[in-house]
Protein backbone atom coordinates (compact mmCIF):
# COMPACT_ATOMS: atom_id res chain seq x y z
CA MET A 1 -92.70 102.33 12.68
CA VAL A 2 -94.11 100.78 9.17
CA PHE A 3 -92.86 97.75 7.76
CA PHE A 4 -93.03 96.71 4.02
CA ARG A 5 -92.17 94.02 1.92
CA SER A 6 -89.54 94.84 -0.60
CA ALA A 7 -91.14 93.92 -4.25
CA ILE A 8 -87.67 92.56 -5.08
CA CYS A 9 -86.66 89.70 -2.97
CA GLY A 10 -84.24 91.93 -1.09
CA GLY A 11 -86.00 90.88 2.32
CA CYS A 12 -88.01 93.07 4.70
CA GLN A 13 -87.20 96.65 5.68
CA ASN A 14 -89.07 99.60 7.68
CA SER A 15 -90.39 102.81 6.45
CA LYS A 16 -87.13 104.34 7.30
CA GLY A 17 -84.97 102.22 5.06
CA GLY A 18 -83.09 99.92 7.76
CA LYS A 19 -83.21 96.41 7.75
CA LEU A 20 -85.27 94.41 10.08
CA ASN A 21 -83.91 91.85 12.72
CA LEU A 22 -83.47 88.71 10.85
CA VAL A 23 -82.44 85.35 11.95
CA LYS A 24 -78.88 84.77 12.19
CA ILE A 25 -77.06 81.31 13.27
CA GLN A 26 -73.42 81.19 14.29
CA GLN A 27 -71.39 78.55 15.06
CA ASN A 28 -70.01 78.31 18.78
CA GLY A 29 -68.11 74.80 18.73
CA PRO A 30 -68.03 71.56 16.69
CA LYS A 31 -71.35 70.94 17.53
CA GLU A 32 -72.86 74.15 18.88
CA TRP A 33 -75.00 77.11 17.31
CA LEU A 34 -76.15 80.03 18.86
CA VAL A 35 -79.48 81.25 17.23
CA THR A 36 -80.46 85.07 17.28
CA ASN A 37 -82.99 87.37 16.14
CA GLY A 38 -83.21 91.03 17.38
CA ASP A 39 -84.79 91.22 20.87
CA TYR A 40 -85.46 87.36 21.31
CA GLU A 41 -83.05 85.35 23.97
CA PRO A 42 -80.44 83.89 22.18
CA ILE A 43 -81.12 79.97 21.56
CA LYS A 44 -78.51 77.31 21.83
CA LEU A 45 -78.45 74.35 19.82
CA PHE A 46 -76.40 71.13 20.60
CA LEU A 47 -76.26 68.92 17.71
CA SER A 48 -75.55 64.93 17.57
CA PRO A 49 -72.97 63.83 15.32
CA SER A 50 -74.18 62.86 11.87
CA SER A 51 -74.10 63.37 8.20
CA ILE A 52 -76.39 66.10 8.41
CA THR A 53 -75.05 68.06 11.29
CA ASN A 54 -71.50 67.67 9.83
CA LYS A 55 -72.54 69.88 7.15
CA PHE A 56 -75.05 71.67 9.14
CA PHE A 57 -73.76 75.34 8.01
CA ILE A 58 -75.82 74.34 4.65
CA VAL A 59 -78.56 74.10 6.89
CA THR A 60 -78.12 77.55 8.75
CA LYS A 61 -77.56 79.57 5.31
CA PHE A 62 -80.72 78.49 3.81
CA ILE A 63 -82.57 79.50 7.17
CA GLU A 64 -81.06 82.83 6.96
CA ARG A 65 -81.89 83.25 3.21
CA VAL A 66 -85.52 82.30 4.07
CA SER A 67 -85.42 84.82 6.90
CA GLU A 68 -84.05 87.62 4.69
CA HIS A 69 -86.72 86.76 2.07
CA CYS A 70 -89.77 86.29 4.51
CA GLY A 71 -88.76 88.97 6.77
CA GLU A 72 -89.84 89.44 10.45
CA GLY A 73 -92.92 87.31 10.33
CA PHE A 74 -90.59 84.26 9.73
CA GLY A 75 -87.83 85.08 12.53
CA ASP A 76 -90.73 85.53 14.91
CA TRP A 77 -92.45 82.01 14.01
CA PHE A 78 -88.86 80.57 13.78
CA MET A 79 -87.71 81.71 17.02
CA LYS A 80 -90.70 80.26 18.84
CA PHE A 81 -90.58 77.05 17.00
CA LEU A 82 -87.09 76.55 18.60
CA SER A 83 -88.10 77.68 21.65
CA ASP A 84 -91.19 75.40 21.55
CA CYS A 85 -88.53 72.28 20.50
CA GLU A 86 -86.58 72.82 23.72
CA ASP A 87 -89.43 71.38 25.65
CA PRO A 88 -88.83 67.71 25.15
CA ASP A 89 -92.79 67.37 25.80
CA LYS A 90 -93.78 69.90 23.26
CA ARG A 91 -91.33 69.01 20.59
CA PRO A 92 -93.39 66.17 18.89
CA HIS A 93 -96.36 68.49 18.56
CA THR A 94 -94.59 71.27 17.71
CA VAL A 95 -92.50 69.66 14.87
CA VAL A 96 -96.00 67.68 13.50
CA ASP A 97 -97.78 71.29 14.05
CA SER A 98 -95.31 73.14 11.91
CA ILE A 99 -94.94 70.79 8.75
CA GLN A 100 -97.36 72.79 6.84
CA ILE A 101 -95.85 76.42 7.95
CA ILE A 102 -92.57 75.11 7.09
CA LYS A 103 -93.44 74.06 3.64
CA ASP A 104 -95.21 77.25 3.12
CA TYR A 105 -92.07 79.18 3.82
CA VAL A 106 -89.94 77.11 1.66
CA ASN A 107 -92.41 77.04 -1.09
CA ASP A 108 -92.83 80.72 -1.13
CA TYR A 109 -88.97 81.34 -1.10
CA MET A 110 -88.17 78.51 -3.59
CA ASP A 111 -91.21 80.45 -5.93
CA SER A 112 -89.29 83.53 -6.12
CA ASN A 113 -85.92 82.45 -6.12
CA GLY A 114 -84.74 80.02 -9.00
CA VAL A 115 -83.24 76.87 -7.99
CA ASP A 116 -80.17 75.30 -9.65
CA TYR A 117 -80.98 72.01 -9.56
CA ASN A 118 -77.40 71.13 -10.64
CA ASN A 119 -76.44 71.90 -6.97
CA PHE A 120 -78.47 68.24 -5.99
CA VAL A 121 -76.21 66.37 -8.11
CA ASP A 122 -72.32 65.19 -7.58
CA GLU A 123 -71.69 62.80 -10.49
CA SER A 124 -68.29 62.05 -9.06
CA LYS A 125 -69.85 60.05 -6.00
CA ILE A 126 -71.75 57.69 -8.62
CA LYS A 127 -71.14 53.83 -7.92
CA LYS A 128 -72.08 51.08 -9.76
CA ASN A 129 -75.59 50.60 -7.89
CA SER A 130 -76.29 54.39 -7.55
CA ILE A 131 -79.52 55.80 -8.46
CA LEU A 132 -78.76 58.84 -10.25
CA PHE A 133 -81.70 61.46 -10.75
CA ARG A 134 -80.40 64.30 -13.14
CA PRO A 135 -81.35 67.83 -12.42
CA PRO A 136 -84.50 68.11 -14.82
CA GLU A 137 -85.89 64.63 -13.24
CA ILE A 138 -85.12 66.15 -9.78
CA GLN A 139 -86.99 69.40 -10.77
CA LYS A 140 -90.38 67.37 -11.98
CA ILE A 141 -90.19 65.29 -8.71
CA LEU A 142 -90.20 68.33 -6.39
CA GLN A 143 -92.84 70.30 -9.03
CA LYS A 144 -94.94 67.26 -8.80
CA PHE A 145 -94.43 66.71 -5.13
CA ARG A 146 -95.73 70.44 -4.68
CA GLN A 147 -98.54 70.07 -6.81
CA ASN A 148 -100.01 66.88 -5.17
CA SER A 149 -98.77 68.65 -1.58
CA LYS A 150 -101.57 71.69 -2.48
CA LYS A 151 -104.06 69.31 -3.97
CA TYR A 152 -104.06 67.24 -0.76
CA ARG A 153 -104.31 70.43 1.57
CA GLN A 154 -107.28 71.53 -0.37
CA ASN A 155 -108.98 68.53 -0.12
CA ARG A 156 -108.66 67.85 3.68
């Protein structure tokens, strides 16, 4: 079977036009999630209560969109990443060693899919002592960060 990257960000497809196995994440309980990807053994995630895990569905949808965009390579890497993170002895090294890979996947996704920076601002939650960044400012901050990150990688 031959695989090719769709020219339009529609994910990867095989040469017969069928969809590849992509990362799917389903909630199985209040703090339990199941990650699947084709032939891989499903991986269960058990989350500790926090402000991030309370809205974990936002993270899962983003991961699924990156999987659709990047295709099978991302899915293979992601399943190995989660599998390695299950081992408490491997977890710290796995996460640190994967930072650049994660950034590369996210940057590729962000570069090819416009980002609505208005989604990062909820002006209804502004308080007297809040620091507010408007959408154009957020965009500039992230672009500057990415530029400096690329320069840093080149100089290493």
